[in-house]
Amino acid sequence: MHAVLLLTLALSSPPPALLLPVQATSAFDGTWSGTGTLTQRRGRGTACGPDTTDRRFTVSNGQISFPYDNRYGVSFSGPIQPNGSFDLASGNNRFQGQVNGSDMTASYTSSECVRSFQFRRRRS
């Protein structure tokens, strides 16, 4: 009797909601490109490279993915905060900045170099 009642309840209940992944987007998503200007050399020699350098990276679902320098394995990944700020580390290297609309100011700091960046966004 109990088994029949449980089977009846189970068959008459609506199926559980399917949990599908939600593709979230953020106001910061897109491809960011810009130029960094060397503002300080801390190390010896030319480890910092040229005085200016162009870089590009993506933001998807509010997450930065920035392969900064493949030669040395420097890559940044992490979130942009709702207020547009970010502060990411890769080893002893730091990438931090602020988004304002489609503009971003940022700095890259390593033990040898400091660069100031200006980026613009292209929506993906």
PDB file of N, CA and C in Angstrom:
ATOM      1  N   MET A   1       0.819  -1.176   0.000  1.00  0.00           N
ATOM      2  CA  MET A   1       0.000   0.000   0.000  1.00  0.00           C
ATOM      3  C   MET A   1       0.869   1.248   0.000  1.00  0.00           C
ATOM      4  N   HIS A   2       1.895   1.288   0.887  1.00  0.00           N
ATOM      5  CA  HIS A   2       2.784   2.445   0.924  1.00  0.00           C
ATOM      6  C   HIS A   2       3.545   2.597  -0.389  1.00  0.00           C
ATOM      7  N   ALA A   3       3.925   1.467  -0.975  1.00  0.00           N
ATOM      8  CA  ALA A   3       4.678   1.521  -2.231  1.00  0.00           C
ATOM      9  C   ALA A   3       3.830   2.099  -3.346  1.00  0.00           C
ATOM     10  N   VAL A   4       2.532   1.741  -3.369  1.00  0.00           N
ATOM     11  CA  VAL A   4       1.636   2.264  -4.398  1.00  0.00           C
ATOM     12  C   VAL A   4       1.460   3.769  -4.207  1.00  0.00           C
ATOM     13  N   LEU A   5       1.336   4.229  -2.962  1.00  0.00           N
ATOM     14  CA  LEU A   5       1.167   5.649  -2.673  1.00  0.00           C
ATOM     15  C   LEU A   5       2.419   6.430  -3.074  1.00  0.00           C
ATOM     16  N   LEU A   6       3.599   5.925  -2.747  1.00  0.00           N
ATOM     17  CA  LEU A   6       4.839   6.595  -3.109  1.00  0.00           C
ATOM     18  C   LEU A   6       5.012   6.653  -4.623  1.00  0.00           C
ATOM     19  N   LEU A   7       4.680   5.568  -5.312  1.00  0.00           N
ATOM     20  CA  LEU A   7       4.793   5.537  -6.761  1.00  0.00           C
ATOM     21  C   LEU A   7       3.811   6.524  -7.388  1.00  0.00           C
ATOM     22  N   THR A   8       2.625   6.630  -6.840  1.00  0.00           N
ATOM     23  CA  THR A   8       1.623   7.573  -7.352  1.00  0.00           C
ATOM     24  C   THR A   8       2.109   9.004  -7.152  1.00  0.00           C
ATOM     25  N   LEU A   9       2.668   9.323  -5.973  1.00  0.00           N
ATOM     26  CA  LEU A   9       3.186  10.661  -5.711  1.00  0.00           C
ATOM     27  C   LEU A   9       4.364  10.985  -6.628  1.00  0.00           C
ATOM     28  N   ALA A  10       5.237  10.039  -6.815  1.00  0.00           N
ATOM     29  CA  ALA A  10       6.410  10.261  -7.657  1.00  0.00           C
ATOM     30  C   ALA A  10       6.000  10.525  -9.099  1.00  0.00           C
ATOM     31  N   LEU A  11       5.027   9.788  -9.609  1.00  0.00           N
ATOM     32  CA  LEU A  11       4.599   9.963 -10.990  1.00  0.00           C
ATOM     33  C   LEU A  11       3.778  11.228 -11.197  1.00  0.00           C
ATOM     34  N   SER A  12       3.121  11.730 -10.138  1.00  0.00           N
ATOM     35  CA  SER A  12       2.286  12.914 -10.293  1.00  0.00           C
ATOM     36  C   SER A  12       3.055  14.212 -10.028  1.00  0.00           C
ATOM     37  N   SER A  13       4.270  14.121  -9.507  1.00  0.00           N
ATOM     38  CA  SER A  13       5.070  15.324  -9.234  1.00  0.00           C
ATOM     39  C   SER A  13       5.693  15.838 -10.525  1.00  0.00           C
ATOM     40  N   PRO A  14       5.786  17.146 -10.668  1.00  0.00           N
ATOM     41  CA  PRO A  14       6.447  17.679 -11.862  1.00  0.00           C
ATOM     42  C   PRO A  14       7.934  17.342 -11.834  1.00  0.00           C
ATOM     43  N   PRO A  15       8.544  17.203 -12.997  1.00  0.00           N
ATOM     44  CA  PRO A  15       9.971  16.872 -13.013  1.00  0.00           C
ATOM     45  C   PRO A  15      10.786  18.034 -12.447  1.00  0.00           C
ATOM     46  N   PRO A  16      11.930  17.730 -11.846  1.00  0.00           N
ATOM     47  CA  PRO A  16      12.768  18.802 -11.312  1.00  0.00           C
ATOM     48  C   PRO A  16      13.271  19.681 -12.465  1.00  0.00           C
ATOM     49  N   ALA A  17      13.486  20.949 -12.157  1.00  0.00           N
ATOM     50  CA  ALA A  17      13.981  21.880 -13.174  1.00  0.00           C
ATOM     51  C   ALA A  17      15.380  21.451 -13.621  1.00  0.00           C
ATOM     52  N   LEU A  18      15.586  21.555 -14.899  1.00  0.00           N
ATOM     53  CA  LEU A  18      16.911  21.238 -15.423  1.00  0.00           C
ATOM     54  C   LEU A  18      17.853  22.393 -15.127  1.00  0.00           C
ATOM     55  N   LEU A  19      19.030  22.081 -14.652  1.00  0.00           N
ATOM     56  CA  LEU A  19      20.019  23.115 -14.357  1.00  0.00           C
ATOM     57  C   LEU A  19      20.937  23.259 -15.554  1.00  0.00           C
ATOM     58  N   LEU A  20      20.741  24.323 -16.299  1.00  0.00           N
ATOM     59  CA  LEU A  20      21.564  24.587 -17.470  1.00  0.00           C
ATOM     60  C   LEU A  20      22.538  25.700 -17.142  1.00  0.00           C
ATOM     61  N   PRO A  21      23.760  25.621 -17.674  1.00  0.00           N
ATOM     62  CA  PRO A  21      24.710  26.700 -17.405  1.00  0.00           C
ATOM     63  C   PRO A  21      24.208  28.009 -18.007  1.00  0.00           C
ATOM     64  N   VAL A  22      24.402  29.069 -17.269  1.00  0.00           N
ATOM     65  CA  VAL A  22      23.992  30.388 -17.729  1.00  0.00           C
ATOM     66  C   VAL A  22      25.226  31.115 -18.241  1.00  0.00           C
ATOM     67  N   GLN A  23      25.128  31.619 -19.455  1.00  0.00           N
ATOM     68  CA  GLN A  23      26.230  32.384 -20.019  1.00  0.00           C
ATOM     69  C   GLN A  23      26.093  33.823 -19.551  1.00  0.00           C
ATOM     70  N   ALA A  24      26.854  34.178 -18.542  1.00  0.00           N
ATOM     71  CA  ALA A  24      26.798  35.534 -18.024  1.00  0.00           C
ATOM     72  C   ALA A  24      27.733  36.420 -18.841  1.00  0.00           C
ATOM     73  N   THR A  25      27.343  37.634 -19.017  1.00  0.00           N
ATOM     74  CA  THR A  25      28.228  38.598 -19.656  1.00  0.00           C
ATOM     75  C   THR A  25      28.391  39.762 -18.701  1.00  0.00           C
ATOM     76  N   SER A  26      29.434  40.516 -18.906  1.00  0.00           N
ATOM     77  CA  SER A  26      29.642  41.675 -18.059  1.00  0.00           C
ATOM     78  C   SER A  26      29.796  42.905 -18.936  1.00  0.00           C
ATOM     79  N   ALA A  27      29.694  44.049 -18.317  1.00  0.00           N
ATOM     80  CA  ALA A  27      29.847  45.321 -19.022  1.00  0.00           C
ATOM     81  C   ALA A  27      31.269  45.505 -19.540  1.00  0.00           C
ATOM     82  N   PHE A  28      32.191  44.647 -19.119  1.00  0.00           N
ATOM     83  CA  PHE A  28      33.604  44.791 -19.478  1.00  0.00           C
ATOM     84  C   PHE A  28      34.046  43.829 -20.573  1.00  0.00           C
ATOM     85  N   ASP A  29      33.149  42.945 -21.012  1.00  0.00           N
ATOM     86  CA  ASP A  29      33.507  41.929 -22.000  1.00  0.00           C
ATOM     87  C   ASP A  29      33.908  42.557 -23.330  1.00  0.00           C
ATOM     88  N   GLY A  30      34.874  41.919 -23.980  1.00  0.00           N
ATOM     89  CA  GLY A  30      35.327  42.359 -25.294  1.00  0.00           C
ATOM     90  C   GLY A  30      36.816  42.161 -25.432  1.00  0.00           C
ATOM     91  N   THR A  31      37.343  42.660 -26.522  1.00  0.00           N
ATOM     92  CA  THR A  31      38.785  42.617 -26.775  1.00  0.00           C
ATOM     93  C   THR A  31      39.352  43.999 -26.470  1.00  0.00           C
ATOM     94  N   TRP A  32      40.369  44.036 -25.666  1.00  0.00           N
ATOM     95  CA  TRP A  32      41.010  45.273 -25.250  1.00  0.00           C
ATOM     96  C   TRP A  32      42.386  45.358 -25.895  1.00  0.00           C
ATOM     97  N   SER A  33      42.714  46.482 -26.499  1.00  0.00           N
ATOM     98  CA  SER A  33      44.042  46.661 -27.081  1.00  0.00           C
ATOM     99  C   SER A  33      44.539  48.057 -26.760  1.00  0.00           C
ATOM    100  N   GLY A  34      45.858  48.155 -26.646  1.00  0.00           N
ATOM    101  CA  GLY A  34      46.434  49.458 -26.322  1.00  0.00           C
ATOM    102  C   GLY A  34      47.938  49.423 -26.274  1.00  0.00           C
ATOM    103  N   THR A  35      48.480  50.533 -25.830  1.00  0.00           N
ATOM    104  CA  THR A  35      49.926  50.720 -25.801  1.00  0.00           C
ATOM    105  C   THR A  35      50.388  50.975 -24.376  1.00  0.00           C
ATOM    106  N   GLY A  36      51.495  50.340 -24.044  1.00  0.00           N
ATOM    107  CA  GLY A  36      52.119  50.549 -22.746  1.00  0.00           C
ATOM    108  C   GLY A  36      53.410  51.329 -22.915  1.00  0.00           C
ATOM    109  N   THR A  37      53.598  52.308 -22.066  1.00  0.00           N
ATOM    110  CA  THR A  37      54.798  53.141 -22.091  1.00  0.00           C
ATOM    111  C   THR A  37      55.646  52.821 -20.873  1.00  0.00           C
ATOM    112  N   LEU A  38      56.904  52.529 -21.104  1.00  0.00           N
ATOM    113  CA  LEU A  38      57.831  52.224 -20.023  1.00  0.00           C
ATOM    114  C   LEU A  38      58.027  53.475 -19.171  1.00  0.00           C
ATOM    115  N   THR A  39      57.755  53.368 -17.880  1.00  0.00           N
ATOM    116  CA  THR A  39      57.908  54.520 -16.985  1.00  0.00           C
ATOM    117  C   THR A  39      59.068  54.354 -16.012  1.00  0.00           C
ATOM    118  N   GLN A  40      59.556  53.111 -15.851  1.00  0.00           N
ATOM    119  CA  GLN A  40      60.668  52.895 -14.930  1.00  0.00           C
ATOM    120  C   GLN A  40      61.404  51.609 -15.274  1.00  0.00           C
ATOM    121  N   ARG A  41      62.717  51.679 -15.330  1.00  0.00           N
ATOM    122  CA  ARG A  41      63.585  50.498 -15.451  1.00  0.00           C
ATOM    123  C   ARG A  41      64.209  50.260 -14.087  1.00  0.00           C
ATOM    124  N   ARG A  42      63.993  49.089 -13.550  1.00  0.00           N
ATOM    125  CA  ARG A  42      64.537  48.765 -12.237  1.00  0.00           C
ATOM    126  C   ARG A  42      65.715  47.805 -12.326  1.00  0.00           C
ATOM    127  N   GLY A  43      65.803  47.084 -13.441  1.00  0.00           N
ATOM    128  CA  GLY A  43      66.827  46.062 -13.572  1.00  0.00           C
ATOM    129  C   GLY A  43      67.981  46.517 -14.422  1.00  0.00           C
ATOM    130  N   ARG A  44      68.847  45.589 -14.736  1.00  0.00           N
ATOM    131  CA  ARG A  44      70.018  45.863 -15.571  1.00  0.00           C
ATOM    132  C   ARG A  44      69.698  45.529 -17.021  1.00  0.00           C
ATOM    133  N   GLY A  45      70.384  46.200 -17.927  1.00  0.00           N
ATOM    134  CA  GLY A  45      70.275  45.868 -19.339  1.00  0.00           C
ATOM    135  C   GLY A  45      68.954  46.272 -19.952  1.00  0.00           C
ATOM    136  N   THR A  46      68.527  45.491 -20.950  1.00  0.00           N
ATOM    137  CA  THR A  46      67.325  45.831 -21.711  1.00  0.00           C
ATOM    138  C   THR A  46      66.198  44.830 -21.486  1.00  0.00           C
ATOM    139  N   ALA A  47      66.129  44.254 -20.310  1.00  0.00           N
ATOM    140  CA  ALA A  47      65.107  43.241 -20.025  1.00  0.00           C
ATOM    141  C   ALA A  47      63.684  43.786 -20.177  1.00  0.00           C
ATOM    142  N   CYS A  48      63.522  45.093 -20.119  1.00  0.00           N
ATOM    143  CA  CYS A  48      62.183  45.678 -20.223  1.00  0.00           C
ATOM    144  C   CYS A  48      61.713  45.786 -21.669  1.00  0.00           C
ATOM    145  N   GLY A  49      62.609  45.659 -22.620  1.00  0.00           N
ATOM    146  CA  GLY A  49      62.213  45.784 -24.015  1.00  0.00           C
ATOM    147  C   GLY A  49      62.113  47.237 -24.430  1.00  0.00           C
ATOM    148  N   PRO A  50      61.345  47.505 -25.491  1.00  0.00           N
ATOM    149  CA  PRO A  50      61.262  48.863 -26.026  1.00  0.00           C
ATOM    150  C   PRO A  50      60.502  49.810 -25.085  1.00  0.00           C
ATOM    151  N   ASP A  51      60.635  51.102 -25.353  1.00  0.00           N
ATOM    152  CA  ASP A  51      59.953  52.105 -24.529  1.00  0.00           C
ATOM    153  C   ASP A  51      58.433  52.006 -24.635  1.00  0.00           C
ATOM    154  N   THR A  52      57.918  51.606 -25.797  1.00  0.00           N
ATOM    155  CA  THR A  52      56.476  51.390 -25.951  1.00  0.00           C
ATOM    156  C   THR A  52      56.231  49.994 -26.495  1.00  0.00           C
ATOM    157  N   THR A  53      55.111  49.425 -26.116  1.00  0.00           N
ATOM    158  CA  THR A  53      54.748  48.092 -26.585  1.00  0.00           C
ATOM    159  C   THR A  53      53.226  48.000 -26.699  1.00  0.00           C
ATOM    160  N   ASP A  54      52.769  47.330 -27.725  1.00  0.00           N
ATOM    161  CA  ASP A  54      51.335  47.121 -27.923  1.00  0.00           C
ATOM    162  C   ASP A  54      50.930  45.769 -27.363  1.00  0.00           C
ATOM    163  N   ARG A  55      49.796  45.730 -26.711  1.00  0.00           N
ATOM    164  CA  ARG A  55      49.276  44.490 -26.138  1.00  0.00           C
ATOM    165  C   ARG A  55      47.772  44.404 -26.398  1.00  0.00           C
ATOM    166  N   ARG A  56      47.283  43.155 -26.379  1.00  0.00           N
ATOM    167  CA  ARG A  56      45.858  42.895 -26.566  1.00  0.00           C
ATOM    168  C   ARG A  56      45.460  41.714 -25.695  1.00  0.00           C
ATOM    169  N   PHE A  57      44.252  41.777 -25.138  1.00  0.00           N
ATOM    170  CA  PHE A  57      43.733  40.677 -24.325  1.00  0.00           C
ATOM    171  C   PHE A  57      42.218  40.702 -24.371  1.00  0.00           C
ATOM    172  N   THR A  58      41.607  39.669 -23.800  1.00  0.00           N
ATOM    173  CA  THR A  58      40.148  39.573 -23.806  1.00  0.00           C
ATOM    174  C   THR A  58      39.590  39.553 -22.391  1.00  0.00           C
ATOM    175  N   VAL A  59      38.344  40.003 -22.312  1.00  0.00           N
ATOM    176  CA  VAL A  59      37.554  39.860 -21.098  1.00  0.00           C
ATOM    177  C   VAL A  59      36.284  39.134 -21.518  1.00  0.00           C
ATOM    178  N   SER A  60      36.002  38.031 -20.854  1.00  0.00           N
ATOM    179  CA  SER A  60      34.808  37.246 -21.142  1.00  0.00           C
ATOM    180  C   SER A  60      34.150  36.879 -19.824  1.00  0.00           C
ATOM    181  N   ASN A  61      32.863  37.165 -19.717  1.00  0.00           N
ATOM    182  CA  ASN A  61      32.115  36.908 -18.479  1.00  0.00           C
ATOM    183  C   ASN A  61      32.770  37.589 -17.281  1.00  0.00           C
ATOM    184  N   GLY A  62      33.357  38.768 -17.525  1.00  0.00           N
ATOM    185  CA  GLY A  62      33.973  39.537 -16.449  1.00  0.00           C
ATOM    186  C   GLY A  62      35.339  39.039 -16.017  1.00  0.00           C
ATOM    187  N   GLN A  63      35.925  38.085 -16.776  1.00  0.00           N
ATOM    188  CA  GLN A  63      37.229  37.507 -16.440  1.00  0.00           C
ATOM    189  C   GLN A  63      38.286  37.932 -17.465  1.00  0.00           C
ATOM    190  N   ILE A  64      39.381  38.501 -16.973  1.00  0.00           N
ATOM    191  CA  ILE A  64      40.500  38.884 -17.835  1.00  0.00           C
ATOM    192  C   ILE A  64      41.311  37.642 -18.184  1.00  0.00           C
ATOM    193  N   SER A  65      41.699  37.541 -19.447  1.00  0.00           N
ATOM    194  CA  SER A  65      42.625  36.506 -19.909  1.00  0.00           C
ATOM    195  C   SER A  65      43.687  37.228 -20.731  1.00  0.00           C
ATOM    196  N   PHE A  66      44.879  37.391 -20.161  1.00  0.00           N
ATOM    197  CA  PHE A  66      45.905  38.254 -20.737  1.00  0.00           C
ATOM    198  C   PHE A  66      47.260  37.546 -20.768  1.00  0.00           C
ATOM    199  N   PRO A  67      47.612  36.944 -21.911  1.00  0.00           N
ATOM    200  CA  PRO A  67      48.955  36.361 -22.059  1.00  0.00           C
ATOM    201  C   PRO A  67      49.958  37.490 -22.305  1.00  0.00           C
ATOM    202  N   TYR A  68      50.447  38.087 -21.246  1.00  0.00           N
ATOM    203  CA  TYR A  68      51.252  39.304 -21.337  1.00  0.00           C
ATOM    204  C   TYR A  68      52.574  39.089 -22.071  1.00  0.00           C
ATOM    205  N   ASP A  69      53.334  38.070 -21.684  1.00  0.00           N
ATOM    206  CA  ASP A  69      54.647  37.838 -22.306  1.00  0.00           C
ATOM    207  C   ASP A  69      54.925  36.335 -22.340  1.00  0.00           C
ATOM    208  N   ASN A  70      54.663  35.722 -23.485  1.00  0.00           N
ATOM    209  CA  ASN A  70      54.845  34.275 -23.623  1.00  0.00           C
ATOM    210  C   ASN A  70      56.294  33.841 -23.458  1.00  0.00           C
ATOM    211  N   ARG A  71      57.249  34.708 -23.808  1.00  0.00           N
ATOM    212  CA  ARG A  71      58.671  34.335 -23.669  1.00  0.00           C
ATOM    213  C   ARG A  71      59.030  33.984 -22.240  1.00  0.00           C
ATOM    214  N   TYR A  72      58.436  34.708 -21.289  1.00  0.00           N
ATOM    215  CA  TYR A  72      58.763  34.505 -19.880  1.00  0.00           C
ATOM    216  C   TYR A  72      57.626  33.855 -19.089  1.00  0.00           C
ATOM    217  N   GLY A  73      56.577  33.423 -19.788  1.00  0.00           N
ATOM    218  CA  GLY A  73      55.470  32.748 -19.109  1.00  0.00           C
ATOM    219  C   GLY A  73      54.644  33.657 -18.220  1.00  0.00           C
ATOM    220  N   VAL A  74      54.560  34.941 -18.562  1.00  0.00           N
ATOM    221  CA  VAL A  74      53.765  35.882 -17.764  1.00  0.00           C
ATOM    222  C   VAL A  74      52.372  35.978 -18.370  1.00  0.00           C
ATOM    223  N   SER A  75      51.395  35.519 -17.615  1.00  0.00           N
ATOM    224  CA  SER A  75      50.006  35.523 -18.069  1.00  0.00           C
ATOM    225  C   SER A  75      49.116  35.887 -16.889  1.00  0.00           C
ATOM    226  N   PHE A  76      48.184  36.785 -17.124  1.00  0.00           N
ATOM    227  CA  PHE A  76      47.278  37.216 -16.065  1.00  0.00           C
ATOM    228  C   PHE A  76      45.873  36.696 -16.342  1.00  0.00           C
ATOM    229  N   SER A  77      45.192  36.274 -15.289  1.00  0.00           N
ATOM    230  CA  SER A  77      43.784  35.903 -15.419  1.00  0.00           C
ATOM    231  C   SER A  77      43.105  36.155 -14.082  1.00  0.00           C
ATOM    232  N   GLY A  78      41.867  36.648 -14.179  1.00  0.00           N
ATOM    233  CA  GLY A  78      41.108  36.923 -12.977  1.00  0.00           C
ATOM    234  C   GLY A  78      39.992  37.904 -13.257  1.00  0.00           C
ATOM    235  N   PRO A  79      39.222  38.220 -12.231  1.00  0.00           N
ATOM    236  CA  PRO A  79      38.006  39.023 -12.420  1.00  0.00           C
ATOM    237  C   PRO A  79      38.255  40.529 -12.437  1.00  0.00           C
ATOM    238  N   ILE A  80      37.359  41.212 -13.131  1.00  0.00           N
ATOM    239  CA  ILE A  80      37.227  42.652 -12.982  1.00  0.00           C
ATOM    240  C   ILE A  80      36.093  42.857 -11.994  1.00  0.00           C
ATOM    241  N   GLN A  81      36.314  43.663 -10.984  1.00  0.00           N
ATOM    242  CA  GLN A  81      35.305  43.916  -9.959  1.00  0.00           C
ATOM    243  C   GLN A  81      34.144  44.725 -10.550  1.00  0.00           C
ATOM    244  N   PRO A  82      32.971  44.682  -9.940  1.00  0.00           N
ATOM    245  CA  PRO A  82      31.815  45.425 -10.463  1.00  0.00           C
ATOM    246  C   PRO A  82      32.078  46.927 -10.658  1.00  0.00           C
ATOM    247  N   ASN A  83      33.002  47.500  -9.877  1.00  0.00           N
ATOM    248  CA  ASN A  83      33.320  48.924 -10.022  1.00  0.00           C
ATOM    249  C   ASN A  83      34.350  49.182 -11.130  1.00  0.00           C
ATOM    250  N   GLY A  84      34.795  48.102 -11.824  1.00  0.00           N
ATOM    251  CA  GLY A  84      35.738  48.241 -12.930  1.00  0.00           C
ATOM    252  C   GLY A  84      37.191  48.117 -12.549  1.00  0.00           C
ATOM    253  N   SER A  85      37.496  47.880 -11.294  1.00  0.00           N
ATOM    254  CA  SER A  85      38.899  47.759 -10.886  1.00  0.00           C
ATOM    255  C   SER A  85      39.356  46.302 -10.948  1.00  0.00           C
ATOM    256  N   PHE A  86      40.663  46.127 -11.083  1.00  0.00           N
ATOM    257  CA  PHE A  86      41.248  44.787 -11.050  1.00  0.00           C
ATOM    258  C   PHE A  86      42.669  44.876 -10.530  1.00  0.00           C
ATOM    259  N   ASP A  87      43.140  43.782  -9.953  1.00  0.00           N
ATOM    260  CA  ASP A  87      44.496  43.687  -9.408  1.00  0.00           C
ATOM    261  C   ASP A  87      44.885  42.220  -9.500  1.00  0.00           C
ATOM    262  N   LEU A  88      45.702  41.880 -10.502  1.00  0.00           N
ATOM    263  CA  LEU A  88      46.037  40.489 -10.794  1.00  0.00           C
ATOM    264  C   LEU A  88      47.533  40.262 -10.651  1.00  0.00           C
ATOM    265  N   ALA A  89      47.904  39.050 -10.261  1.00  0.00           N
ATOM    266  CA  ALA A  89      49.313  38.695 -10.103  1.00  0.00           C
ATOM    267  C   ALA A  89      49.644  37.475 -10.942  1.00  0.00           C
ATOM    268  N   SER A  90      50.883  37.461 -11.423  1.00  0.00           N
ATOM    269  CA  SER A  90      51.460  36.310 -12.114  1.00  0.00           C
ATOM    270  C   SER A  90      52.902  36.226 -11.637  1.00  0.00           C
ATOM    271  N   GLY A  91      53.147  35.334 -10.677  1.00  0.00           N
ATOM    272  CA  GLY A  91      54.462  35.297 -10.061  1.00  0.00           C
ATOM    273  C   GLY A  91      54.719  36.614  -9.342  1.00  0.00           C
ATOM    274  N   ASN A  92      55.865  37.247  -9.640  1.00  0.00           N
ATOM    275  CA  ASN A  92      56.197  38.538  -9.038  1.00  0.00           C
ATOM    276  C   ASN A  92      55.702  39.717  -9.874  1.00  0.00           C
ATOM    277  N   ASN A  93      54.892  39.454 -10.867  1.00  0.00           N
ATOM    278  CA  ASN A  93      54.396  40.490 -11.774  1.00  0.00           C
ATOM    279  C   ASN A  93      52.964  40.859 -11.396  1.00  0.00           C
ATOM    280  N   ARG A  94      52.636  42.137 -11.593  1.00  0.00           N
ATOM    281  CA  ARG A  94      51.302  42.619 -11.251  1.00  0.00           C
ATOM    282  C   ARG A  94      50.703  43.410 -12.401  1.00  0.00           C
ATOM    283  N   PHE A  95      49.407  43.228 -12.613  1.00  0.00           N
ATOM    284  CA  PHE A  95      48.651  43.982 -13.606  1.00  0.00           C
ATOM    285  C   PHE A  95      47.432  44.515 -12.879  1.00  0.00           C
ATOM    286  N   GLN A  96      47.339  45.825 -12.766  1.00  0.00           N
ATOM    287  CA  GLN A  96      46.218  46.416 -12.039  1.00  0.00           C
ATOM    288  C   GLN A  96      45.728  47.652 -12.770  1.00  0.00           C
ATOM    289  N   GLY A  97      44.434  47.936 -12.605  1.00  0.00           N
ATOM    290  CA  GLY A  97      43.899  49.084 -13.303  1.00  0.00           C
ATOM    291  C   GLY A  97      42.438  49.337 -13.034  1.00  0.00           C
ATOM    292  N   GLN A  98      41.874  50.186 -13.912  1.00  0.00           N
ATOM    293  CA  GLN A  98      40.502  50.637 -13.757  1.00  0.00           C
ATOM    294  C   GLN A  98      39.867  50.818 -15.136  1.00  0.00           C
ATOM    295  N   VAL A  99      38.645  50.307 -15.272  1.00  0.00           N
ATOM    296  CA  VAL A  99      37.864  50.474 -16.500  1.00  0.00           C
ATOM    297  C   VAL A  99      36.912  51.643 -16.303  1.00  0.00           C
ATOM    298  N   ASN A 100      36.785  52.458 -17.348  1.00  0.00           N
ATOM    299  CA  ASN A 100      35.819  53.550 -17.363  1.00  0.00           C
ATOM    300  C   ASN A 100      35.173  53.542 -18.740  1.00  0.00           C
ATOM    301  N   GLY A 101      33.998  52.901 -18.849  1.00  0.00           N
ATOM    302  CA  GLY A 101      33.331  52.774 -20.142  1.00  0.00           C
ATOM    303  C   GLY A 101      34.132  51.871 -21.065  1.00  0.00           C
ATOM    304  N   SER A 102      34.545  52.404 -22.218  1.00  0.00           N
ATOM    305  CA  SER A 102      35.353  51.639 -23.175  1.00  0.00           C
ATOM    306  C   SER A 102      36.834  51.976 -23.077  1.00  0.00           C
ATOM    307  N   ASP A 103      37.232  52.642 -21.995  1.00  0.00           N
ATOM    308  CA  ASP A 103      38.635  52.984 -21.760  1.00  0.00           C
ATOM    309  C   ASP A 103      39.130  52.291 -20.501  1.00  0.00           C
ATOM    310  N   MET A 104      40.411  51.958 -20.518  1.00  0.00           N
ATOM    311  CA  MET A 104      41.021  51.336 -19.355  1.00  0.00           C
ATOM    312  C   MET A 104      42.410  51.930 -19.166  1.00  0.00           C
ATOM    313  N   THR A 105      42.721  52.297 -17.937  1.00  0.00           N
ATOM    314  CA  THR A 105      44.083  52.658 -17.577  1.00  0.00           C
ATOM    315  C   THR A 105      44.599  51.535 -16.697  1.00  0.00           C
ATOM    316  N   ALA A 106      45.840  51.153 -16.914  1.00  0.00           N
ATOM    317  CA  ALA A 106      46.396  50.035 -16.163  1.00  0.00           C
ATOM    318  C   ALA A 106      47.901  50.216 -16.010  1.00  0.00           C
ATOM    319  N   SER A 107      48.452  49.464 -15.072  1.00  0.00           N
ATOM    320  CA  SER A 107      49.898  49.446 -14.917  1.00  0.00           C
ATOM    321  C   SER A 107      50.356  47.996 -14.815  1.00  0.00           C
ATOM    322  N   TYR A 108      51.531  47.768 -15.370  1.00  0.00           N
ATOM    323  CA  TYR A 108      52.207  46.476 -15.274  1.00  0.00           C
ATOM    324  C   TYR A 108      53.467  46.727 -14.460  1.00  0.00           C
ATOM    325  N   THR A 109      53.668  45.926 -13.435  1.00  0.00           N
ATOM    326  CA  THR A 109      54.841  46.078 -12.578  1.00  0.00           C
ATOM    327  C   THR A 109      55.533  44.740 -12.434  1.00  0.00           C
ATOM    328  N   SER A 110      56.846  44.731 -12.699  1.00  0.00           N
ATOM    329  CA  SER A 110      57.659  43.539 -12.456  1.00  0.00           C
ATOM    330  C   SER A 110      58.847  43.974 -11.604  1.00  0.00           C
ATOM    331  N   SER A 111      59.712  43.037 -11.284  1.00  0.00           N
ATOM    332  CA  SER A 111      60.891  43.393 -10.493  1.00  0.00           C
ATOM    333  C   SER A 111      61.844  44.277 -11.295  1.00  0.00           C
ATOM    334  N   GLU A 112      61.687  44.299 -12.629  1.00  0.00           N
ATOM    335  CA  GLU A 112      62.602  45.072 -13.473  1.00  0.00           C
ATOM    336  C   GLU A 112      61.965  46.269 -14.162  1.00  0.00           C
ATOM    337  N   CYS A 113      60.650  46.243 -14.395  1.00  0.00           N
ATOM    338  CA  CYS A 113      60.012  47.257 -15.244  1.00  0.00           C
ATOM    339  C   CYS A 113      58.672  47.705 -14.680  1.00  0.00           C
ATOM    340  N   VAL A 114      58.312  48.950 -15.025  1.00  0.00           N
ATOM    341  CA  VAL A 114      56.973  49.469 -14.747  1.00  0.00           C
ATOM    342  C   VAL A 114      56.481  50.102 -16.036  1.00  0.00           C
ATOM    343  N   ARG A 115      55.267  49.724 -16.443  1.00  0.00           N
ATOM    344  CA  ARG A 115      54.648  50.283 -17.647  1.00  0.00           C
ATOM    345  C   ARG A 115      53.272  50.842 -17.312  1.00  0.00           C
ATOM    346  N   SER A 116      52.951  51.928 -17.970  1.00  0.00           N
ATOM    347  CA  SER A 116      51.630  52.530 -17.875  1.00  0.00           C
ATOM    348  C   SER A 116      50.900  52.257 -19.184  1.00  0.00           C
ATOM    349  N   PHE A 117      49.706  51.675 -19.104  1.00  0.00           N
ATOM    350  CA  PHE A 117      48.941  51.297 -20.291  1.00  0.00           C
ATOM    351  C   PHE A 117      47.670  52.126 -20.436  1.00  0.00           C
ATOM    352  N   GLN A 118      47.302  52.339 -21.697  1.00  0.00           N
ATOM    353  CA  GLN A 118      46.005  52.899 -22.072  1.00  0.00           C
ATOM    354  C   GLN A 118      45.386  51.907 -23.058  1.00  0.00           C
ATOM    355  N   PHE A 119      44.205  51.366 -22.718  1.00  0.00           N
ATOM    356  CA  PHE A 119      43.538  50.395 -23.560  1.00  0.00           C
ATOM    357  C   PHE A 119      42.181  50.937 -24.002  1.00  0.00           C
ATOM    358  N   ARG A 120      41.712  50.454 -25.166  1.00  0.00           N
ATOM    359  CA  ARG A 120      40.351  50.709 -25.660  1.00  0.00           C
ATOM    360  C   ARG A 120      39.711  49.362 -25.948  1.00  0.00           C
ATOM    361  N   ARG A 121      38.407  49.302 -25.791  1.00  0.00           N
ATOM    362  CA  ARG A 121      37.679  48.036 -25.999  1.00  0.00           C
ATOM    363  C   ARG A 121      36.980  48.005 -27.340  1.00  0.00           C
ATOM    364  N   ARG A 122      37.047  46.811 -27.924  1.00  0.00           N
ATOM    365  CA  ARG A 122      36.208  46.456 -29.071  1.00  0.00           C
ATOM    366  C   ARG A 122      35.302  45.346 -28.570  1.00  0.00           C
ATOM    367  N   ARG A 123      34.021  45.517 -28.681  1.00  0.00           N
ATOM    368  CA  ARG A 123      33.089  44.464 -28.236  1.00  0.00           C
ATOM    369  C   ARG A 123      33.224  43.242 -29.128  1.00  0.00           C
ATOM    370  N   SER A 124      33.186  42.079 -28.512  1.00  0.00           N
ATOM    371  CA  SER A 124      33.298  40.814 -29.270  1.00  0.00           C
ATOM    372  C   SER A 124      31.978  40.464 -29.885  1.00  0.00           C
TER     373      SER A 124
END
